[in-house]
PDB file of N, CA and C in Angstrom:
ATOM      1  N   MET A   1       8.261  -9.254   6.724  1.00  0.00           N
ATOM      2  CA  MET A   1       8.140  -7.806   6.823  1.00  0.00           C
ATOM      3  C   MET A   1       6.679  -7.443   6.606  1.00  0.00           C
ATOM      4  N   TRP A   2       6.162  -6.560   7.458  1.00  0.00           N
ATOM      5  CA  TRP A   2       4.784  -6.114   7.321  1.00  0.00           C
ATOM      6  C   TRP A   2       4.657  -4.709   7.908  1.00  0.00           C
ATOM      7  N   PRO A   3       3.641  -3.966   7.473  1.00  0.00           N
ATOM      8  CA  PRO A   3       3.437  -2.604   7.991  1.00  0.00           C
ATOM      9  C   PRO A   3       3.116  -2.616   9.481  1.00  0.00           C
ATOM     10  N   ASN A   4       3.591  -1.620  10.188  1.00  0.00           N
ATOM     11  CA  ASN A   4       3.260  -1.446  11.589  1.00  0.00           C
ATOM     12  C   ASN A   4       1.780  -1.093  11.704  1.00  0.00           C
ATOM     13  N   ALA A   5       1.089  -1.684  12.658  1.00  0.00           N
ATOM     14  CA  ALA A   5      -0.349  -1.465  12.812  1.00  0.00           C
ATOM     15  C   ALA A   5      -0.685  -0.071  13.352  1.00  0.00           C
ATOM     16  N   PHE A   6       0.300   0.634  13.901  1.00  0.00           N
ATOM     17  CA  PHE A   6       0.013   1.896  14.574  1.00  0.00           C
ATOM     18  C   PHE A   6       0.536   3.135  13.862  1.00  0.00           C
ATOM     19  N   THR A   7       1.465   2.956  12.911  1.00  0.00           N
ATOM     20  CA  THR A   7       2.010   4.107  12.198  1.00  0.00           C
ATOM     21  C   THR A   7       2.460   3.697  10.804  1.00  0.00           C
ATOM     22  N   SER A   8       2.285   4.579   9.858  1.00  0.00           N
ATOM     23  CA  SER A   8       2.733   4.297   8.493  1.00  0.00           C
ATOM     24  C   SER A   8       4.224   4.592   8.315  1.00  0.00           C
ATOM     25  N   ASN A   9       4.870   5.111   9.362  1.00  0.00           N
ATOM     26  CA  ASN A   9       6.294   5.443   9.297  1.00  0.00           C
ATOM     27  C   ASN A   9       7.192   4.285   9.695  1.00  0.00           C
ATOM     28  N   ALA A  10       6.626   3.113   9.923  1.00  0.00           N
ATOM     29  CA  ALA A  10       7.431   1.974  10.374  1.00  0.00           C
ATOM     30  C   ALA A  10       6.932   0.678   9.752  1.00  0.00           C
ATOM     31  N   HIS A  11       7.834  -0.261   9.609  1.00  0.00           N
ATOM     32  CA  HIS A  11       7.518  -1.629   9.198  1.00  0.00           C
ATOM     33  C   HIS A  11       8.143  -2.561  10.226  1.00  0.00           C
ATOM     34  N   MET A  12       7.549  -3.709  10.400  1.00  0.00           N
ATOM     35  CA  MET A  12       8.061  -4.721  11.308  1.00  0.00           C
ATOM     36  C   MET A  12       8.820  -5.753  10.475  1.00  0.00           C
ATOM     37  N   ILE A  13       9.944  -6.217  10.989  1.00  0.00           N
ATOM     38  CA  ILE A  13      10.725  -7.254  10.322  1.00  0.00           C
ATOM     39  C   ILE A  13      11.065  -8.313  11.367  1.00  0.00           C
ATOM     40  N   ALA A  14      10.559  -9.517  11.194  1.00  0.00           N
ATOM     41  CA  ALA A  14      10.913 -10.619  12.088  1.00  0.00           C
ATOM     42  C   ALA A  14      12.207 -11.247  11.578  1.00  0.00           C
ATOM     43  N   VAL A  15      13.259 -11.144  12.361  1.00  0.00           N
ATOM     44  CA  VAL A  15      14.537 -11.710  11.933  1.00  0.00           C
ATOM     45  C   VAL A  15      14.810 -13.063  12.597  1.00  0.00           C
ATOM     46  N   GLN A  16      14.098 -13.383  13.656  1.00  0.00           N
ATOM     47  CA  GLN A  16      14.193 -14.681  14.318  1.00  0.00           C
ATOM     48  C   GLN A  16      12.809 -15.080  14.785  1.00  0.00           C
ATOM     49  N   SER A  17      12.514 -16.371  14.751  1.00  0.00           N
ATOM     50  CA  SER A  17      11.241 -16.883  15.232  1.00  0.00           C
ATOM     51  C   SER A  17      11.416 -18.349  15.607  1.00  0.00           C
ATOM     52  N   GLY A  18      10.668 -18.793  16.585  1.00  0.00           N
ATOM     53  CA  GLY A  18      10.714 -20.194  16.963  1.00  0.00           C
ATOM     54  C   GLY A  18      11.737 -20.479  18.044  1.00  0.00           C
ATOM     55  N   GLU A  19      11.990 -21.760  18.267  1.00  0.00           N
ATOM     56  CA  GLU A  19      12.822 -22.192  19.386  1.00  0.00           C
ATOM     57  C   GLU A  19      14.194 -22.719  18.980  1.00  0.00           C
ATOM     58  N   SER A  20      14.570 -22.590  17.720  1.00  0.00           N
ATOM     59  CA  SER A  20      15.818 -23.203  17.251  1.00  0.00           C
ATOM     60  C   SER A  20      17.063 -22.666  17.965  1.00  0.00           C
ATOM     61  N   ALA A  21      17.047 -21.427  18.394  1.00  0.00           N
ATOM     62  CA  ALA A  21      18.216 -20.848  19.061  1.00  0.00           C
ATOM     63  C   ALA A  21      17.938 -20.571  20.536  1.00  0.00           C
ATOM     64  N   LEU A  22      16.950 -21.226  21.087  1.00  0.00           N
ATOM     65  CA  LEU A  22      16.545 -21.005  22.472  1.00  0.00           C
ATOM     66  C   LEU A  22      17.723 -21.169  23.426  1.00  0.00           C
ATOM     67  N   GLY A  23      17.923 -20.190  24.280  1.00  0.00           N
ATOM     68  CA  GLY A  23      18.977 -20.243  25.282  1.00  0.00           C
ATOM     69  C   GLY A  23      20.357 -19.881  24.771  1.00  0.00           C
ATOM     70  N   GLY A  24      20.473 -19.574  23.514  1.00  0.00           N
ATOM     71  CA  GLY A  24      21.777 -19.253  22.950  1.00  0.00           C
ATOM     72  C   GLY A  24      21.954 -17.779  22.679  1.00  0.00           C
ATOM     73  N   MET A  25      23.154 -17.417  22.315  1.00  0.00           N
ATOM     74  CA  MET A  25      23.450 -16.044  21.943  1.00  0.00           C
ATOM     75  C   MET A  25      23.400 -15.932  20.420  1.00  0.00           C
ATOM     76  N   MET A  26      22.795 -14.875  19.945  1.00  0.00           N
ATOM     77  CA  MET A  26      22.678 -14.674  18.509  1.00  0.00           C
ATOM     78  C   MET A  26      23.204 -13.298  18.142  1.00  0.00           C
ATOM     79  N   THR A  27      23.720 -13.191  16.956  1.00  0.00           N
ATOM     80  CA  THR A  27      24.139 -11.916  16.400  1.00  0.00           C
ATOM     81  C   THR A  27      23.375 -11.720  15.103  1.00  0.00           C
ATOM     82  N   GLU A  28      22.814 -10.548  14.935  1.00  0.00           N
ATOM     83  CA  GLU A  28      22.090 -10.219  13.709  1.00  0.00           C
ATOM     84  C   GLU A  28      22.814  -9.095  12.996  1.00  0.00           C
ATOM     85  N   LYS A  29      22.816  -9.157  11.695  1.00  0.00           N
ATOM     86  CA  LYS A  29      23.405  -8.095  10.881  1.00  0.00           C
ATOM     87  C   LYS A  29      22.391  -7.742   9.807  1.00  0.00           C
ATOM     88  N   ARG A  30      22.023  -6.459   9.724  1.00  0.00           N
ATOM     89  CA  ARG A  30      21.031  -6.003   8.757  1.00  0.00           C
ATOM     90  C   ARG A  30      21.579  -4.837   7.960  1.00  0.00           C
ATOM     91  N   ASN A  31      21.141  -4.714   6.730  1.00  0.00           N
ATOM     92  CA  ASN A  31      21.407  -3.527   5.937  1.00  0.00           C
ATOM     93  C   ASN A  31      20.134  -2.681   6.010  1.00  0.00           C
ATOM     94  N   ILE A  32      20.145  -1.711   6.904  1.00  0.00           N
ATOM     95  CA  ILE A  32      18.945  -0.917   7.169  1.00  0.00           C
ATOM     96  C   ILE A  32      18.503  -0.148   5.925  1.00  0.00           C
ATOM     97  N   ARG A  33      19.455   0.304   5.160  1.00  0.00           N
ATOM     98  CA  ARG A  33      19.109   1.037   3.932  1.00  0.00           C
ATOM     99  C   ARG A  33      18.340   0.131   2.965  1.00  0.00           C
ATOM    100  N   ASP A  34      18.805  -1.108   2.785  1.00  0.00           N
ATOM    101  CA  ASP A  34      18.099  -2.051   1.918  1.00  0.00           C
ATOM    102  C   ASP A  34      16.731  -2.434   2.490  1.00  0.00           C
ATOM    103  N   ASP A  35      16.658  -2.607   3.808  1.00  0.00           N
ATOM    104  CA  ASP A  35      15.365  -2.904   4.443  1.00  0.00           C
ATOM    105  C   ASP A  35      14.367  -1.779   4.191  1.00  0.00           C
ATOM    106  N   TRP A  36      14.827  -0.548   4.323  1.00  0.00           N
ATOM    107  CA  TRP A  36      13.956   0.615   4.104  1.00  0.00           C
ATOM    108  C   TRP A  36      13.446   0.649   2.666  1.00  0.00           C
ATOM    109  N   LYS A  37      14.379   0.398   1.737  1.00  0.00           N
ATOM    110  CA  LYS A  37      14.009   0.416   0.326  1.00  0.00           C
ATOM    111  C   LYS A  37      12.955  -0.655   0.026  1.00  0.00           C
ATOM    112  N   LEU A  38      13.099  -1.830   0.615  1.00  0.00           N
ATOM    113  CA  LEU A  38      12.128  -2.898   0.425  1.00  0.00           C
ATOM    114  C   LEU A  38      10.775  -2.545   1.047  1.00  0.00           C
ATOM    115  N   ALA A  39      10.798  -1.938   2.218  1.00  0.00           N
ATOM    116  CA  ALA A  39       9.553  -1.607   2.921  1.00  0.00           C
ATOM    117  C   ALA A  39       8.814  -0.430   2.312  1.00  0.00           C
ATOM    118  N   PHE A  40       9.553   0.625   1.934  1.00  0.00           N
ATOM    119  CA  PHE A  40       8.910   1.871   1.525  1.00  0.00           C
ATOM    120  C   PHE A  40       9.144   2.253   0.066  1.00  0.00           C
ATOM    121  N   GLY A  41      10.000   1.503  -0.639  1.00  0.00           N
ATOM    122  CA  GLY A  41      10.224   1.766  -2.052  1.00  0.00           C
ATOM    123  C   GLY A  41      11.028   3.012  -2.350  1.00  0.00           C
ATOM    124  N   GLU A  42      11.792   3.490  -1.385  1.00  0.00           N
ATOM    125  CA  GLU A  42      12.617   4.684  -1.612  1.00  0.00           C
ATOM    126  C   GLU A  42      13.983   4.508  -0.979  1.00  0.00           C
ATOM    127  N   ASP A  43      14.965   5.191  -1.531  1.00  0.00           N
ATOM    128  CA  ASP A  43      16.318   5.142  -1.007  1.00  0.00           C
ATOM    129  C   ASP A  43      16.476   6.234   0.050  1.00  0.00           C
ATOM    130  N   ILE A  44      17.307   5.990   1.044  1.00  0.00           N
ATOM    131  CA  ILE A  44      17.542   6.969   2.111  1.00  0.00           C
ATOM    132  C   ILE A  44      19.034   7.145   2.339  1.00  0.00           C
ATOM    133  N   GLU A  45      19.390   8.253   2.935  1.00  0.00           N
ATOM    134  CA  GLU A  45      20.769   8.521   3.334  1.00  0.00           C
ATOM    135  C   GLU A  45      20.908   8.501   4.859  1.00  0.00           C
ATOM    136  N   GLU A  46      19.819   8.844   5.564  1.00  0.00           N
ATOM    137  CA  GLU A  46      19.862   8.926   7.030  1.00  0.00           C
ATOM    138  C   GLU A  46      18.576   8.348   7.608  1.00  0.00           C
ATOM    139  N   ILE A  47      18.643   7.918   8.873  1.00  0.00           N
ATOM    140  CA  ILE A  47      17.456   7.478   9.600  1.00  0.00           C
ATOM    141  C   ILE A  47      17.410   8.200  10.941  1.00  0.00           C
ATOM    142  N   ASP A  48      16.229   8.274  11.522  1.00  0.00           N
ATOM    143  CA  ASP A  48      16.071   8.927  12.820  1.00  0.00           C
ATOM    144  C   ASP A  48      16.092   7.935  13.982  1.00  0.00           C
ATOM    145  N   ALA A  49      15.633   6.698  13.752  1.00  0.00           N
ATOM    146  CA  ALA A  49      15.542   5.753  14.862  1.00  0.00           C
ATOM    147  C   ALA A  49      15.456   4.325  14.354  1.00  0.00           C
ATOM    148  N   VAL A  50      15.891   3.414  15.186  1.00  0.00           N
ATOM    149  CA  VAL A  50      15.732   1.983  14.965  1.00  0.00           C
ATOM    150  C   VAL A  50      15.214   1.400  16.271  1.00  0.00           C
ATOM    151  N   ALA A  51      14.175   0.591  16.212  1.00  0.00           N
ATOM    152  CA  ALA A  51      13.644  -0.067  17.405  1.00  0.00           C
ATOM    153  C   ALA A  51      13.965  -1.551  17.330  1.00  0.00           C
ATOM    154  N   ILE A  52      14.445  -2.096  18.425  1.00  0.00           N
ATOM    155  CA  ILE A  52      14.735  -3.522  18.533  1.00  0.00           C
ATOM    156  C   ILE A  52      13.861  -4.055  19.654  1.00  0.00           C
ATOM    157  N   MET A  53      13.106  -5.118  19.365  1.00  0.00           N
ATOM    158  CA  MET A  53      12.156  -5.565  20.380  1.00  0.00           C
ATOM    159  C   MET A  53      11.921  -7.064  20.338  1.00  0.00           C
ATOM    160  N   THR A  54      11.385  -7.562  21.419  1.00  0.00           N
ATOM    161  CA  THR A  54      10.904  -8.933  21.533  1.00  0.00           C
ATOM    162  C   THR A  54       9.412  -8.825  21.775  1.00  0.00           C
ATOM    163  N   ASP A  55       8.615  -9.502  20.977  1.00  0.00           N
ATOM    164  CA  ASP A  55       7.168  -9.311  21.030  1.00  0.00           C
ATOM    165  C   ASP A  55       6.450 -10.655  20.998  1.00  0.00           C
ATOM    166  N   THR A  56       5.566 -10.869  21.963  1.00  0.00           N
ATOM    167  CA  THR A  56       4.766 -12.101  21.991  1.00  0.00           C
ATOM    168  C   THR A  56       3.279 -11.798  22.098  1.00  0.00           C
ATOM    169  N   ASP A  57       2.889 -10.566  21.788  1.00  0.00           N
ATOM    170  CA  ASP A  57       1.494 -10.145  21.961  1.00  0.00           C
ATOM    171  C   ASP A  57       0.487 -11.084  21.306  1.00  0.00           C
ATOM    172  N   ASN A  58       0.741 -11.485  20.089  1.00  0.00           N
ATOM    173  CA  ASN A  58      -0.245 -12.272  19.348  1.00  0.00           C
ATOM    174  C   ASN A  58      -0.174 -13.767  19.629  1.00  0.00           C
ATOM    175  N   SER A  59       0.907 -14.231  20.222  1.00  0.00           N
ATOM    176  CA  SER A  59       1.058 -15.671  20.455  1.00  0.00           C
ATOM    177  C   SER A  59       0.588 -16.105  21.840  1.00  0.00           C
ATOM    178  N   GLY A  60       0.457 -15.159  22.771  1.00  0.00           N
ATOM    179  CA  GLY A  60       0.066 -15.506  24.131  1.00  0.00           C
ATOM    180  C   GLY A  60       1.192 -16.167  24.911  1.00  0.00           C
ATOM    181  N   GLN A  61       2.397 -16.162  24.383  1.00  0.00           N
ATOM    182  CA  GLN A  61       3.551 -16.761  25.037  1.00  0.00           C
ATOM    183  C   GLN A  61       4.335 -15.681  25.781  1.00  0.00           C
ATOM    184  N   TRP A  62       5.483 -16.042  26.319  1.00  0.00           N
ATOM    185  CA  TRP A  62       6.362 -15.058  26.943  1.00  0.00           C
ATOM    186  C   TRP A  62       7.779 -15.270  26.422  1.00  0.00           C
ATOM    187  N   ALA A  63       8.560 -14.245  26.528  1.00  0.00           N
ATOM    188  CA  ALA A  63       9.954 -14.319  26.077  1.00  0.00           C
ATOM    189  C   ALA A  63      10.787 -13.359  26.904  1.00  0.00           C
ATOM    190  N   ARG A  64      12.058 -13.674  27.009  1.00  0.00           N
ATOM    191  CA  ARG A  64      13.006 -12.794  27.689  1.00  0.00           C
ATOM    192  C   ARG A  64      14.213 -12.646  26.770  1.00  0.00           C
ATOM    193  N   ALA A  65      14.676 -11.420  26.618  1.00  0.00           N
ATOM    194  CA  ALA A  65      15.825 -11.182  25.740  1.00  0.00           C
ATOM    195  C   ALA A  65      16.685 -10.068  26.321  1.00  0.00           C
ATOM    196  N   TRP A  66      17.956 -10.137  26.053  1.00  0.00           N
ATOM    197  CA  TRP A  66      18.900  -9.087  26.402  1.00  0.00           C
ATOM    198  C   TRP A  66      19.544  -8.630  25.109  1.00  0.00           C
ATOM    199  N   TYR A  67      19.726  -7.336  24.979  1.00  0.00           N
ATOM    200  CA  TYR A  67      20.292  -6.770  23.762  1.00  0.00           C
ATOM    201  C   TYR A  67      21.592  -6.049  24.082  1.00  0.00           C
ATOM    202  N   GLY A  68      22.571  -6.229  23.222  1.00  0.00           N
ATOM    203  CA  GLY A  68      23.810  -5.473  23.326  1.00  0.00           C
ATOM    204  C   GLY A  68      23.656  -4.142  22.608  1.00  0.00           C
ATOM    205  N   GLN A  69      24.689  -3.360  22.649  1.00  0.00           N
ATOM    206  CA  GLN A  69      24.679  -2.051  21.999  1.00  0.00           C
ATOM    207  C   GLN A  69      24.685  -2.229  20.480  1.00  0.00           C
ATOM    208  N   PRO A  70      23.692  -1.683  19.788  1.00  0.00           N
ATOM    209  CA  PRO A  70      23.730  -1.758  18.318  1.00  0.00           C
ATOM    210  C   PRO A  70      24.920  -0.968  17.777  1.00  0.00           C
ATOM    211  N   ARG A  71      25.476  -1.446  16.685  1.00  0.00           N
ATOM    212  CA  ARG A  71      26.576  -0.748  16.015  1.00  0.00           C
ATOM    213  C   ARG A  71      26.156  -0.470  14.587  1.00  0.00           C
ATOM    214  N   PHE A  72      26.481   0.694  14.110  1.00  0.00           N
ATOM    215  CA  PHE A  72      26.150   1.104  12.753  1.00  0.00           C
ATOM    216  C   PHE A  72      27.453   1.393  12.015  1.00  0.00           C
ATOM    217  N   SER A  73      27.490   1.016  10.750  1.00  0.00           N
ATOM    218  CA  SER A  73      28.689   1.266   9.956  1.00  0.00           C
ATOM    219  C   SER A  73      28.297   1.605   8.533  1.00  0.00           C
ATOM    220  N   ALA A  74      29.201   2.213   7.829  1.00  0.00           N
ATOM    221  CA  ALA A  74      28.995   2.488   6.403  1.00  0.00           C
ATOM    222  C   ALA A  74      29.166   1.177   5.650  1.00  0.00           C
ATOM    223  N   ARG A  75      28.623   1.143   4.439  1.00  0.00           N
ATOM    224  CA  ARG A  75      28.776  -0.075   3.630  1.00  0.00           C
ATOM    225  C   ARG A  75      30.200  -0.396   3.540  1.00  0.00           C
TER     226      ARG A  75
END
């Protein structure tokens, strides 16, 4: 987890890296409230947006990913 280089309202969290799951399907589950608390040191009740992305800017590599519909639930 690290601060976003372009805005103080966001943090980046790498949940997967490397080639261990290359070509496979993955499912991720996050507690966004806990992530927010870790990143910004405050508790929240609501969020305005979540961004999901694949990024290779700094590595000079390429990647392709498909994302399903995110689902949100109460604890």
